[in-house]
C-alpha atoms as a PDB file:
ATOM      1  CA  UNK A   1     106.823  86.399 159.358  1.00  0.00           C
ATOM      2  CA  UNK A   2     109.454  83.681 159.301  1.00  0.00           C
ATOM      3  CA  UNK A   3     111.840  82.778 156.517  1.00  0.00           C
ATOM      4  CA  UNK A   4     110.596  80.357 153.909  1.00  0.00           C
ATOM      5  CA  UNK A   5     112.377  77.504 152.231  1.00  0.00           C
ATOM      6  CA  UNK A   6     114.032  77.594 148.836  1.00  0.00           C
ATOM      7  CA  UNK A   7     111.519  77.660 145.985  1.00  0.00           C
ATOM      8  CA  UNK A   8     111.642  77.286 142.240  1.00  0.00           C
ATOM      9  CA  UNK A   9     112.309  80.719 140.801  1.00  0.00           C
ATOM     10  CA  UNK A  10     110.906  82.158 137.577  1.00  0.00           C
ATOM     11  CA  UNK A  11     113.269  82.104 134.616  1.00  0.00           C
ATOM     12  CA  UNK A  12     113.929  84.935 132.215  1.00  0.00           C
ATOM     13  CA  UNK A  13     115.985  84.816 129.039  1.00  0.00           C
ATOM     14  CA  UNK A  14     117.777  87.122 126.612  1.00  0.00           C
ATOM     15  CA  UNK A  15     117.999  90.175 128.895  1.00  0.00           C
ATOM     16  CA  UNK A  16     120.795  92.511 129.922  1.00  0.00           C
ATOM     17  CA  UNK A  17     120.926  92.105 133.697  1.00  0.00           C
ATOM     18  CA  UNK A  18     122.934  94.201 136.136  1.00  0.00           C
ATOM     19  CA  UNK A  19     123.496  93.659 139.854  1.00  0.00           C
ATOM     20  CA  UNK A  20     125.973  94.984 142.380  1.00  0.00           C
ATOM     21  CA  UNK A  21     126.943  94.461 145.998  1.00  0.00           C
ATOM     22  CA  UNK A  22     128.241  97.244 148.209  1.00  0.00           C
ATOM     23  CA  UNK A  23     131.274  95.949 150.124  1.00  0.00           C
ATOM     24  CA  UNK A  24     130.256  97.445 153.448  1.00  0.00           C
ATOM     25  CA  UNK A  25     130.493  94.258 155.504  1.00  0.00           C
ATOM     26  CA  UNK A  26     130.874  90.487 155.375  1.00  0.00           C
ATOM     27  CA  UNK A  27     128.113  88.713 153.443  1.00  0.00           C
ATOM     28  CA  UNK A  28     125.788  86.413 155.372  1.00  0.00           C
ATOM     29  CA  UNK A  29     122.820  84.098 154.859  1.00  0.00           C
ATOM     30  CA  UNK A  30     120.441  87.043 154.575  1.00  0.00           C
ATOM     31  CA  UNK A  31     122.422  88.425 151.624  1.00  0.00           C
ATOM     32  CA  UNK A  32     122.550  84.990 150.041  1.00  0.00           C
ATOM     33  CA  UNK A  33     118.857  84.122 150.243  1.00  0.00           C
ATOM     34  CA  UNK A  34     117.691  87.676 149.652  1.00  0.00           C
ATOM     35  CA  UNK A  35     119.755  88.396 146.561  1.00  0.00           C
ATOM     36  CA  UNK A  36     123.017  86.611 145.780  1.00  0.00           C
ATOM     37  CA  UNK A  37     121.640  83.185 144.852  1.00  0.00           C
ATOM     38  CA  UNK A  38     119.190  84.859 142.479  1.00  0.00           C
ATOM     39  CA  UNK A  39     121.935  86.963 140.904  1.00  0.00           C
ATOM     40  CA  UNK A  40     123.793  83.738 140.120  1.00  0.00           C
ATOM     41  CA  UNK A  41     120.707  82.120 138.569  1.00  0.00           C
ATOM     42  CA  UNK A  42     120.191  85.113 136.270  1.00  0.00           C
ATOM     43  CA  UNK A  43     123.403  84.275 134.411  1.00  0.00           C
ATOM     44  CA  UNK A  44     121.578  81.469 132.656  1.00  0.00           C
ATOM     45  CA  UNK A  45     120.334  82.640 129.276  1.00  0.00           C
ATOM     46  CA  UNK A  46     120.974  86.339 129.929  1.00  0.00           C
ATOM     47  CA  UNK A  47     123.761  88.883 129.478  1.00  0.00           C
ATOM     48  CA  UNK A  48     124.799  89.581 133.042  1.00  0.00           C
ATOM     49  CA  UNK A  49     127.147  92.107 134.616  1.00  0.00           C
ATOM     50  CA  UNK A  50     128.042  92.101 138.320  1.00  0.00           C
ATOM     51  CA  UNK A  51     130.136  94.581 140.240  1.00  0.00           C
ATOM     52  CA  UNK A  52     131.551  95.401 143.655  1.00  0.00           C
ATOM     53  CA  UNK A  53     130.241  98.888 144.423  1.00  0.00           C
ATOM     54  CA  UNK A  54     133.319 100.192 146.217  1.00  0.00           C
ATOM     55  CA  UNK A  55     132.589 103.798 145.186  1.00  0.00           C
ATOM     56  CA  UNK A  56     129.230 103.560 146.931  1.00  0.00           C
ATOM     57  CA  UNK A  57     130.942 102.274 150.072  1.00  0.00           C
ATOM     58  CA  UNK A  58     132.766 105.622 150.381  1.00  0.00           C
ATOM     59  CA  UNK A  59     129.585 106.980 151.979  1.00  0.00           C
ATOM     60  CA  UNK A  60     129.786 104.587 154.933  1.00  0.00           C
ATOM     61  CA  UNK A  61     133.373 103.304 155.252  1.00  0.00           C
ATOM     62  CA  UNK A  62     136.301 105.670 155.777  1.00  0.00           C
ATOM     63  CA  UNK A  63     139.081 103.126 156.219  1.00  0.00           C
ATOM     64  CA  UNK A  64     140.968 102.474 152.977  1.00  0.00           C
ATOM     65  CA  UNK A  65     142.448  99.151 154.085  1.00  0.00           C
ATOM     66  CA  UNK A  66     139.064  97.873 155.238  1.00  0.00           C
ATOM     67  CA  UNK A  67     137.420  98.884 151.945  1.00  0.00           C
ATOM     68  CA  UNK A  68     140.001  96.991 149.903  1.00  0.00           C
ATOM     69  CA  UNK A  69     139.584  93.911 152.095  1.00  0.00           C
ATOM     70  CA  UNK A  70     135.799  93.949 151.824  1.00  0.00           C
ATOM     71  CA  UNK A  71     135.898  94.576 148.060  1.00  0.00           C
ATOM     72  CA  UNK A  72     138.250  91.648 147.548  1.00  0.00           C
ATOM     73  CA  UNK A  73     136.069  89.491 149.795  1.00  0.00           C
ATOM     74  CA  UNK A  74     132.958  90.378 147.775  1.00  0.00           C
ATOM     75  CA  UNK A  75     134.751  89.413 144.547  1.00  0.00           C
ATOM     76  CA  UNK A  76     135.731  86.073 146.090  1.00  0.00           C
ATOM     77  CA  UNK A  77     132.142  85.537 147.229  1.00  0.00           C
ATOM     78  CA  UNK A  78     130.775  86.206 143.743  1.00  0.00           C
ATOM     79  CA  UNK A  79     133.234  83.825 142.133  1.00  0.00           C
ATOM     80  CA  UNK A  80     132.889  81.114 144.770  1.00  0.00           C
ATOM     81  CA  UNK A  81     129.109  81.206 144.540  1.00  0.00           C
ATOM     82  CA  UNK A  82     129.178  80.670 140.804  1.00  0.00           C
ATOM     83  CA  UNK A  83     129.615  83.901 138.864  1.00  0.00           C
ATOM     84  CA  UNK A  84     131.349  82.665 135.735  1.00  0.00           C
ATOM     85  CA  UNK A  85     133.640  85.343 134.234  1.00  0.00           C
ATOM     86  CA  UNK A  86     133.446  83.529 130.888  1.00  0.00           C
ATOM     87  CA  UNK A  87     129.679  84.065 130.735  1.00  0.00           C
ATOM     88  CA  UNK A  88     129.292  87.251 132.770  1.00  0.00           C
ATOM     89  CA  UNK A  89     131.209  90.472 133.350  1.00  0.00           C
ATOM     90  CA  UNK A  90     132.578  90.869 136.871  1.00  0.00           C
ATOM     91  CA  UNK A  91     134.290  94.134 137.765  1.00  0.00           C
ATOM     92  CA  UNK A  92     135.203  96.568 140.509  1.00  0.00           C
ATOM     93  CA  UNK A  93     133.198  99.777 140.204  1.00  0.00           C
ATOM     94  CA  UNK A  94     136.210 102.056 140.717  1.00  0.00           C
ATOM     95  CA  UNK A  95     137.983 100.404 137.759  1.00  0.00           C
ATOM     96  CA  UNK A  96     135.228 101.701 135.469  1.00  0.00           C
ATOM     97  CA  UNK A  97     135.705 105.528 135.426  1.00  0.00           C
ATOM     98  CA  UNK A  98     133.038 106.048 132.780  1.00  0.00           C
ATOM     99  CA  UNK A  99     130.473 105.415 135.518  1.00  0.00           C
ATOM    100  CA  UNK A 100     131.592 108.468 137.481  1.00  0.00           C
ATOM    101  CA  UNK A 101     131.701 110.563 134.303  1.00  0.00           C
ATOM    102  CA  UNK A 102     128.140 109.559 133.521  1.00  0.00           C
ATOM    103  CA  UNK A 103     127.089 110.191 137.119  1.00  0.00           C
ATOM    104  CA  UNK A 104     128.276 113.810 136.852  1.00  0.00           C
ATOM    105  CA  UNK A 105     126.440 114.331 133.569  1.00  0.00           C
ATOM    106  CA  UNK A 106     123.263 112.893 135.085  1.00  0.00           C
ATOM    107  CA  UNK A 107     123.690 115.009 138.217  1.00  0.00           C
ATOM    108  CA  UNK A 108     123.290 118.159 136.106  1.00  0.00           C
ATOM    109  CA  UNK A 109     119.787 117.133 134.996  1.00  0.00           C
ATOM    110  CA  UNK A 110     118.592 115.556 138.262  1.00  0.00           C
ATOM    111  CA  UNK A 111     116.075 117.704 140.177  1.00  0.00           C
ATOM    112  CA  UNK A 112     116.954 118.343 143.830  1.00  0.00           C
ATOM    113  CA  UNK A 113     113.416 117.483 144.850  1.00  0.00           C
ATOM    114  CA  UNK A 114     113.778 113.998 143.409  1.00  0.00           C
ATOM    115  CA  UNK A 115     116.742 113.273 145.661  1.00  0.00           C
ATOM    116  CA  UNK A 116     115.163 114.922 148.689  1.00  0.00           C
ATOM    117  CA  UNK A 117     112.240 112.510 148.446  1.00  0.00           C
ATOM    118  CA  UNK A 118     114.446 109.402 148.501  1.00  0.00           C
ATOM    119  CA  UNK A 119     113.546 107.226 151.448  1.00  0.00           C
ATOM    120  CA  UNK A 120     117.018 105.667 151.578  1.00  0.00           C
ATOM    121  CA  UNK A 121     118.634 109.059 152.269  1.00  0.00           C
ATOM    122  CA  UNK A 122     116.311 109.701 155.195  1.00  0.00           C
ATOM    123  CA  UNK A 123     116.862 106.190 156.550  1.00  0.00           C
ATOM    124  CA  UNK A 124     120.642 106.567 156.446  1.00  0.00           C
ATOM    125  CA  UNK A 125     120.455 109.828 158.341  1.00  0.00           C
ATOM    126  CA  UNK A 126     118.334 108.078 160.968  1.00  0.00           C
ATOM    127  CA  UNK A 127     121.039 105.418 161.203  1.00  0.00           C
ATOM    128  CA  UNK A 128     123.533 108.111 162.163  1.00  0.00           C
ATOM    129  CA  UNK A 129     125.387 108.649 158.880  1.00  0.00           C
ATOM    130  CA  UNK A 130     126.474 112.228 158.287  1.00  0.00           C
ATOM    131  CA  UNK A 131     124.503 114.160 155.631  1.00  0.00           C
ATOM    132  CA  UNK A 132     127.287 114.722 153.095  1.00  0.00           C
ATOM    133  CA  UNK A 133     126.854 115.225 149.358  1.00  0.00           C
ATOM    134  CA  UNK A 134     127.888 111.662 148.575  1.00  0.00           C
ATOM    135  CA  UNK A 135     125.051 110.294 150.662  1.00  0.00           C
ATOM    136  CA  UNK A 136     122.598 112.735 149.102  1.00  0.00           C
ATOM    137  CA  UNK A 137     123.711 112.097 145.503  1.00  0.00           C
ATOM    138  CA  UNK A 138     124.072 108.333 145.971  1.00  0.00           C
ATOM    139  CA  UNK A 139     121.002 107.590 143.756  1.00  0.00           C
ATOM    140  CA  UNK A 140     122.586 109.404 140.799  1.00  0.00           C
ATOM    141  CA  UNK A 141     125.696 107.204 140.889  1.00  0.00           C
ATOM    142  CA  UNK A 142     123.337 104.256 141.201  1.00  0.00           C
ATOM    143  CA  UNK A 143     121.480 105.469 138.107  1.00  0.00           C
ATOM    144  CA  UNK A 144     124.765 105.703 136.207  1.00  0.00           C
ATOM    145  CA  UNK A 145     125.633 102.122 137.192  1.00  0.00           C
ATOM    146  CA  UNK A 146     122.398 100.951 135.614  1.00  0.00           C
ATOM    147  CA  UNK A 147     121.949 103.232 132.619  1.00  0.00           C
ATOM    148  CA  UNK A 148     125.483 102.797 131.285  1.00  0.00           C
ATOM    149  CA  UNK A 149     124.640  99.139 130.570  1.00  0.00           C
ATOM    150  CA  UNK A 150     121.279  99.849 128.942  1.00  0.00           C
ATOM    151  CA  UNK A 151     120.060  97.256 131.412  1.00  0.00           C
ATOM    152  CA  UNK A 152     116.722  95.616 130.649  1.00  0.00           C
ATOM    153  CA  UNK A 153     116.225  94.256 134.141  1.00  0.00           C
ATOM    154  CA  UNK A 154     117.638  95.211 137.516  1.00  0.00           C
ATOM    155  CA  UNK A 155     117.149  92.692 140.323  1.00  0.00           C
ATOM    156  CA  UNK A 156     115.812  94.546 143.372  1.00  0.00           C
ATOM    157  CA  UNK A 157     113.860  93.728 146.483  1.00  0.00           C
ATOM    158  CA  UNK A 158     110.345  95.084 146.902  1.00  0.00           C
ATOM    159  CA  UNK A 159     111.691  97.698 149.313  1.00  0.00           C
ATOM    160  CA  UNK A 160     114.234  98.903 146.754  1.00  0.00           C
ATOM    161  CA  UNK A 161     111.836  99.710 143.922  1.00  0.00           C
ATOM    162  CA  UNK A 162     112.197 103.442 144.569  1.00  0.00           C
ATOM    163  CA  UNK A 163     115.872 103.229 143.621  1.00  0.00           C
ATOM    164  CA  UNK A 164     114.945 102.075 140.139  1.00  0.00           C
ATOM    165  CA  UNK A 165     112.115 104.578 139.870  1.00  0.00           C
ATOM    166  CA  UNK A 166     114.660 107.333 140.495  1.00  0.00           C
ATOM    167  CA  UNK A 167     116.899 105.867 137.782  1.00  0.00           C
ATOM    168  CA  UNK A 168     114.016 105.904 135.312  1.00  0.00           C
ATOM    169  CA  UNK A 169     113.155 109.508 136.245  1.00  0.00           C
ATOM    170  CA  UNK A 170     116.771 110.602 135.730  1.00  0.00           C
ATOM    171  CA  UNK A 171     116.890 108.844 132.337  1.00  0.00           C
ATOM    172  CA  UNK A 172     113.688 110.571 131.242  1.00  0.00           C
ATOM    173  CA  UNK A 173     115.047 113.936 132.357  1.00  0.00           C
ATOM    174  CA  UNK A 174     118.223 113.473 130.292  1.00  0.00           C
ATOM    175  CA  UNK A 175     116.250 112.268 127.248  1.00  0.00           C
ATOM    176  CA  UNK A 176     113.956 115.310 127.445  1.00  0.00           C
ATOM    177  CA  UNK A 177     116.817 117.764 128.034  1.00  0.00           C
ATOM    178  CA  UNK A 178     118.955 116.529 125.137  1.00  0.00           C
ATOM    179  CA  UNK A 179     117.680 113.645 123.036  1.00  0.00           C
ATOM    180  CA  UNK A 180     116.578 110.046 123.396  1.00  0.00           C
ATOM    181  CA  UNK A 181     119.618 108.080 124.535  1.00  0.00           C
ATOM    182  CA  UNK A 182     118.656 105.983 127.524  1.00  0.00           C
ATOM    183  CA  UNK A 183     116.237 103.096 127.638  1.00  0.00           C
ATOM    184  CA  UNK A 184     114.156 102.740 130.786  1.00  0.00           C
ATOM    185  CA  UNK A 185     115.110  99.672 132.809  1.00  0.00           C
ATOM    186  CA  UNK A 186     112.498  97.508 134.484  1.00  0.00           C
ATOM    187  CA  UNK A 187     112.684  96.126 138.017  1.00  0.00           C
ATOM    188  CA  UNK A 188     113.050  92.388 138.406  1.00  0.00           C
ATOM    189  CA  UNK A 189     111.573  91.863 141.846  1.00  0.00           C
ATOM    190  CA  UNK A 190     113.591  89.267 143.661  1.00  0.00           C
ATOM    191  CA  UNK A 191     111.752  86.317 145.103  1.00  0.00           C
ATOM    192  CA  UNK A 192     110.439  87.262 148.516  1.00  0.00           C
ATOM    193  CA  UNK A 193     112.108  85.139 151.174  1.00  0.00           C
ATOM    194  CA  UNK A 194     110.591  87.195 154.010  1.00  0.00           C
ATOM    195  CA  UNK A 195     112.882  88.201 156.848  1.00  0.00           C
ATOM    196  CA  UNK A 196     115.950  86.042 157.437  1.00  0.00           C
ATOM    197  CA  UNK A 197     116.413  86.054 161.214  1.00  0.00           C
ATOM    198  CA  UNK A 198     119.837  86.632 162.696  1.00  0.00           C
ATOM    199  CA  UNK A 199     121.393  84.908 165.670  1.00  0.00           C
ATOM    200  CA  UNK A 200     119.530  87.251 168.035  1.00  0.00           C
ATOM    201  CA  UNK A 201     116.142  86.795 166.339  1.00  0.00           C
ATOM    202  CA  UNK A 202     116.176  90.210 164.678  1.00  0.00           C
ATOM    203  CA  UNK A 203     116.564  90.650 160.928  1.00  0.00           C
ATOM    204  CA  UNK A 204     120.004  89.439 159.889  1.00  0.00           C
ATOM    205  CA  UNK A 205     122.139  92.404 158.877  1.00  0.00           C
ATOM    206  CA  UNK A 206     125.743  93.491 158.573  1.00  0.00           C
ATOM    207  CA  UNK A 207     125.308  96.386 160.963  1.00  0.00           C
ATOM    208  CA  UNK A 208     123.541  94.383 163.692  1.00  0.00           C
ATOM    209  CA  UNK A 209     126.426  91.914 163.941  1.00  0.00           C
ATOM    210  CA  UNK A 210     123.974  89.002 164.085  1.00  0.00           C
ATOM    211  CA  UNK A 211     124.896  87.283 160.843  1.00  0.00           C
ATOM    212  CA  UNK A 212     125.738  83.707 159.985  1.00  0.00           C
ATOM    213  CA  UNK A 213     128.536  84.041 157.441  1.00  0.00           C
ATOM    214  CA  UNK A 214     128.647  81.215 154.919  1.00  0.00           C
ATOM    215  CA  UNK A 215     132.373  81.729 154.289  1.00  0.00           C
ATOM    216  CA  UNK A 216     133.485  82.124 157.890  1.00  0.00           C
ATOM    217  CA  UNK A 217     136.195  79.678 159.085  1.00  0.00           C
ATOM    218  CA  UNK A 218     134.769  76.414 160.420  1.00  0.00           C
ATOM    219  CA  UNK A 219     135.127  77.294 164.112  1.00  0.00           C
ATOM    220  CA  UNK A 220     133.686  80.766 163.656  1.00  0.00           C
ATOM    221  CA  UNK A 221     130.741  79.477 161.633  1.00  0.00           C
ATOM    222  CA  UNK A 222     130.034  76.847 164.289  1.00  0.00           C
ATOM    223  CA  UNK A 223     130.207  79.510 167.000  1.00  0.00           C
ATOM    224  CA  UNK A 224     127.717  81.682 165.113  1.00  0.00           C
ATOM    225  CA  UNK A 225     125.218  78.848 164.639  1.00  0.00           C
ATOM    226  CA  UNK A 226     125.566  77.479 168.164  1.00  0.00           C
ATOM    227  CA  UNK A 227     125.222  81.025 169.511  1.00  0.00           C
ATOM    228  CA  UNK A 228     121.679  81.495 168.165  1.00  0.00           C
ATOM    229  CA  UNK A 229     119.542  82.857 170.981  1.00  0.00           C
ATOM    230  CA  UNK A 230     116.763  80.506 172.154  1.00  0.00           C
ATOM    231  CA  UNK A 231     114.343  80.338 175.067  1.00  0.00           C
ATOM    232  CA  UNK A 232     115.071  78.301 178.190  1.00  0.00           C
ATOM    233  CA  UNK A 233     112.900  75.271 177.416  1.00  0.00           C
ATOM    234  CA  UNK A 234     114.524  71.948 178.193  1.00  0.00           C
ATOM    235  CA  UNK A 235     115.074  68.985 175.910  1.00  0.00           C
ATOM    236  CA  UNK A 236     111.837  67.210 176.841  1.00  0.00           C
ATOM    237  CA  UNK A 237     109.607  70.269 176.704  1.00  0.00           C
ATOM    238  CA  UNK A 238     107.465  70.922 173.601  1.00  0.00           C
ATOM    239  CA  UNK A 239     108.580  73.918 171.540  1.00  0.00           C
ATOM    240  CA  UNK A 240     106.855  75.993 168.885  1.00  0.00           C
ATOM    241  CA  UNK A 241     108.827  75.734 165.606  1.00  0.00           C
ATOM    242  CA  UNK A 242     107.301  78.829 163.998  1.00  0.00           C
ATOM    243  CA  UNK A 243     108.717  81.004 166.770  1.00  0.00           C
ATOM    244  CA  UNK A 244     112.173  79.467 166.687  1.00  0.00           C
ATOM    245  CA  UNK A 245     115.056  81.133 164.866  1.00  0.00           C
ATOM    246  CA  UNK A 246     116.809  77.761 164.677  1.00  0.00           C
ATOM    247  CA  UNK A 247     113.843  76.130 162.944  1.00  0.00           C
ATOM    248  CA  UNK A 248     113.274  79.071 160.592  1.00  0.00           C
ATOM    249  CA  UNK A 249     116.880  78.897 159.393  1.00  0.00           C
ATOM    250  CA  UNK A 250     116.830  75.093 159.166  1.00  0.00           C
ATOM    251  CA  UNK A 251     113.705  75.323 156.998  1.00  0.00           C
ATOM    252  CA  UNK A 252     115.621  77.335 154.388  1.00  0.00           C
ATOM    253  CA  UNK A 253     117.846  74.338 153.636  1.00  0.00           C
ATOM    254  CA  UNK A 254     115.663  71.324 154.425  1.00  0.00           C
ATOM    255  CA  UNK A 255     113.308  69.482 152.086  1.00  0.00           C
ATOM    256  CA  UNK A 256     109.593  69.256 153.012  1.00  0.00           C
ATOM    257  CA  UNK A 257     109.986  65.892 154.741  1.00  0.00           C
ATOM    258  CA  UNK A 258     112.912  67.129 156.824  1.00  0.00           C
ATOM    259  CA  UNK A 259     111.045  70.293 157.798  1.00  0.00           C
ATOM    260  CA  UNK A 260     108.011  68.300 158.845  1.00  0.00           C
ATOM    261  CA  UNK A 261     110.123  65.918 160.919  1.00  0.00           C
ATOM    262  CA  UNK A 262     111.919  68.781 162.672  1.00  0.00           C
ATOM    263  CA  UNK A 263     108.627  70.575 163.355  1.00  0.00           C
ATOM    264  CA  UNK A 264     107.124  67.395 164.840  1.00  0.00           C
ATOM    265  CA  UNK A 265     110.178  66.859 167.030  1.00  0.00           C
ATOM    266  CA  UNK A 266     109.886  70.423 168.301  1.00  0.00           C
ATOM    267  CA  UNK A 267     106.207  70.054 169.154  1.00  0.00           C
ATOM    268  CA  UNK A 268     106.360  66.657 170.830  1.00  0.00           C
ATOM    269  CA  UNK A 269     109.497  67.350 172.876  1.00  0.00           C
ATOM    270  CA  UNK A 270     112.663  65.316 173.102  1.00  0.00           C
ATOM    271  CA  UNK A 271     114.730  67.505 170.786  1.00  0.00           C
ATOM    272  CA  UNK A 272     117.011  70.003 172.479  1.00  0.00           C
ATOM    273  CA  UNK A 273     118.042  73.280 170.914  1.00  0.00           C
ATOM    274  CA  UNK A 274     121.665  72.136 170.896  1.00  0.00           C
ATOM    275  CA  UNK A 275     120.867  69.172 168.651  1.00  0.00           C
ATOM    276  CA  UNK A 276     118.655  71.341 166.432  1.00  0.00           C
ATOM    277  CA  UNK A 277     121.528  73.797 166.014  1.00  0.00           C
ATOM    278  CA  UNK A 278     123.868  70.953 165.082  1.00  0.00           C
ATOM    279  CA  UNK A 279     121.380  69.831 162.427  1.00  0.00           C
ATOM    280  CA  UNK A 280     121.286  73.398 161.085  1.00  0.00           C
ATOM    281  CA  UNK A 281     125.088  73.592 161.050  1.00  0.00           C
ATOM    282  CA  UNK A 282     125.254  70.331 159.077  1.00  0.00           C
ATOM    283  CA  UNK A 283     122.836  71.783 156.512  1.00  0.00           C
ATOM    284  CA  UNK A 284     124.809  75.016 156.177  1.00  0.00           C
ATOM    285  CA  UNK A 285     128.110  73.175 155.766  1.00  0.00           C
ATOM    286  CA  UNK A 286     126.655  70.770 153.194  1.00  0.00           C
ATOM    287  CA  UNK A 287     124.932  73.493 151.179  1.00  0.00           C
ATOM    288  CA  UNK A 288     127.952  75.785 151.012  1.00  0.00           C
ATOM    289  CA  UNK A 289     130.659  73.108 151.092  1.00  0.00           C
ATOM    290  CA  UNK A 290     131.591  73.288 147.382  1.00  0.00           C
ATOM    291  CA  UNK A 291     131.517  77.108 147.398  1.00  0.00           C
ATOM    292  CA  UNK A 292     133.652  77.250 150.549  1.00  0.00           C
ATOM    293  CA  UNK A 293     136.215  74.981 148.899  1.00  0.00           C
ATOM    294  CA  UNK A 294     136.251  77.141 145.741  1.00  0.00           C
ATOM    295  CA  UNK A 295     136.709  80.261 147.803  1.00  0.00           C
ATOM    296  CA  UNK A 296     139.682  78.820 149.684  1.00  0.00           C
ATOM    297  CA  UNK A 297     141.260  77.856 146.375  1.00  0.00           C
ATOM    298  CA  UNK A 298     140.679  81.346 144.945  1.00  0.00           C
ATOM    299  CA  UNK A 299     142.131  82.979 148.062  1.00  0.00           C
ATOM    300  CA  UNK A 300     145.383  81.160 147.354  1.00  0.00           C
ATOM    301  CA  UNK A 301     145.496  82.762 143.868  1.00  0.00           C
ATOM    302  CA  UNK A 302     144.963  86.513 144.435  1.00  0.00           C
ATOM    303  CA  UNK A 303     146.637  87.400 141.133  1.00  0.00           C
ATOM    304  CA  UNK A 304     144.099  85.288 139.252  1.00  0.00           C
ATOM    305  CA  UNK A 305     141.208  87.088 140.932  1.00  0.00           C
ATOM    306  CA  UNK A 306     142.769  90.465 140.157  1.00  0.00           C
ATOM    307  CA  UNK A 307     143.206  89.430 136.510  1.00  0.00           C
ATOM    308  CA  UNK A 308     139.509  88.525 136.364  1.00  0.00           C
ATOM    309  CA  UNK A 309     138.517  91.942 137.733  1.00  0.00           C
ATOM    310  CA  UNK A 310     140.837  93.828 135.378  1.00  0.00           C
ATOM    311  CA  UNK A 311     139.514  91.863 132.422  1.00  0.00           C
ATOM    312  CA  UNK A 312     135.960  92.519 133.584  1.00  0.00           C
ATOM    313  CA  UNK A 313     136.577  96.262 133.750  1.00  0.00           C
ATOM    314  CA  UNK A 314     138.100  96.249 130.254  1.00  0.00           C
ATOM    315  CA  UNK A 315     135.094  94.330 128.921  1.00  0.00           C
ATOM    316  CA  UNK A 316     132.717  96.719 130.694  1.00  0.00           C
ATOM    317  CA  UNK A 317     134.397  99.740 129.125  1.00  0.00           C
ATOM    318  CA  UNK A 318     134.321  98.162 125.672  1.00  0.00           C
ATOM    319  CA  UNK A 319     130.683  97.095 125.997  1.00  0.00           C
ATOM    320  CA  UNK A 320     129.519 100.565 127.047  1.00  0.00           C
ATOM    321  CA  UNK A 321     131.778 102.721 124.852  1.00  0.00           C
ATOM    322  CA  UNK A 322     129.080 103.282 122.206  1.00  0.00           C
ATOM    323  CA  UNK A 323     126.577 104.419 124.825  1.00  0.00           C
ATOM    324  CA  UNK A 324     129.053 106.862 126.340  1.00  0.00           C
ATOM    325  CA  UNK A 325     129.838 108.276 122.895  1.00  0.00           C
ATOM    326  CA  UNK A 326     126.094 108.863 122.386  1.00  0.00           C
ATOM    327  CA  UNK A 327     125.791 110.561 125.788  1.00  0.00           C
ATOM    328  CA  UNK A 328     128.748 112.880 125.143  1.00  0.00           C
ATOM    329  CA  UNK A 329     127.473 113.724 121.658  1.00  0.00           C
ATOM    330  CA  UNK A 330     123.957 114.407 122.893  1.00  0.00           C
ATOM    331  CA  UNK A 331     125.251 116.672 125.673  1.00  0.00           C
ATOM    332  CA  UNK A 332     127.710 118.496 123.407  1.00  0.00           C
ATOM    333  CA  UNK A 333     130.834 117.179 125.090  1.00  0.00           C
ATOM    334  CA  UNK A 334     134.100 116.453 123.307  1.00  0.00           C
ATOM    335  CA  UNK A 335     134.949 117.163 119.679  1.00  0.00           C
ATOM    336  CA  UNK A 336     132.139 117.685 117.144  1.00  0.00           C
ATOM    337  CA  UNK A 337     130.797 114.524 115.531  1.00  0.00           C
END
């Protein structure tokens, strides 16, 4: 099934929302349409917290310099796309040590069988990742990320619902073992945009190396778009738009009239793939132009970005201090209360 165009998304209000991005690669259009744009929208009328999950990336990246670069890039992406640190909390996961403390506490009440049934663990092993404890216990750290905020809603894709189900199970286990501390978060299923095709026609992904990166330098972005794989049909030959990666990506940005015109031009012939790719590139540049400019400006002020992250971590610790006190008290940790 091809990618669909932007649609009006449902609005929610007055909720504590949490979302994170693992800095394991450069973000691309698939990340944007599948999650990031919806994360940004959820700032409106809600209490939102966003983080770069650099601790999670320890399971897949073992190059310290690369991790720092990708974490900084993810922070720039969040800010450039519209995360407002005055309205939301933006932080680096490793700057928030209470999360790892909570993860250990939760680990001691998490049944082994629950983790063994996690589909994501099996999938990562199939992808060639080594079966270390971090990979196995990944869902517990994920649960700590969520539960420490008493999150009402957690934006997830349909295929990620199990992650939140595990979090709810872990919360219930703690509440039954000690006392009622954690609320059970609900999934906020992100709008289904179907599969965003990459430059080779397969699903766009960081690992496949087939992404179109909205913040790539101009020449690199052009190279990615113009490098989309097509069939060998000539300019004058009719083409089927529904089977074209170029058309599917163009449809994400175009209005209904523009999509219809492009589809007609494909079917009647006279439009070459080169011109269609140029039209797509124009759409990408126009859509992300303001964000690309903001990102360049932020890159020139690394100290400002670091100040935002430090402030976000301080706000995160302050906002969750009461919860952590309740957890420690319930578990019998620290001085008597």
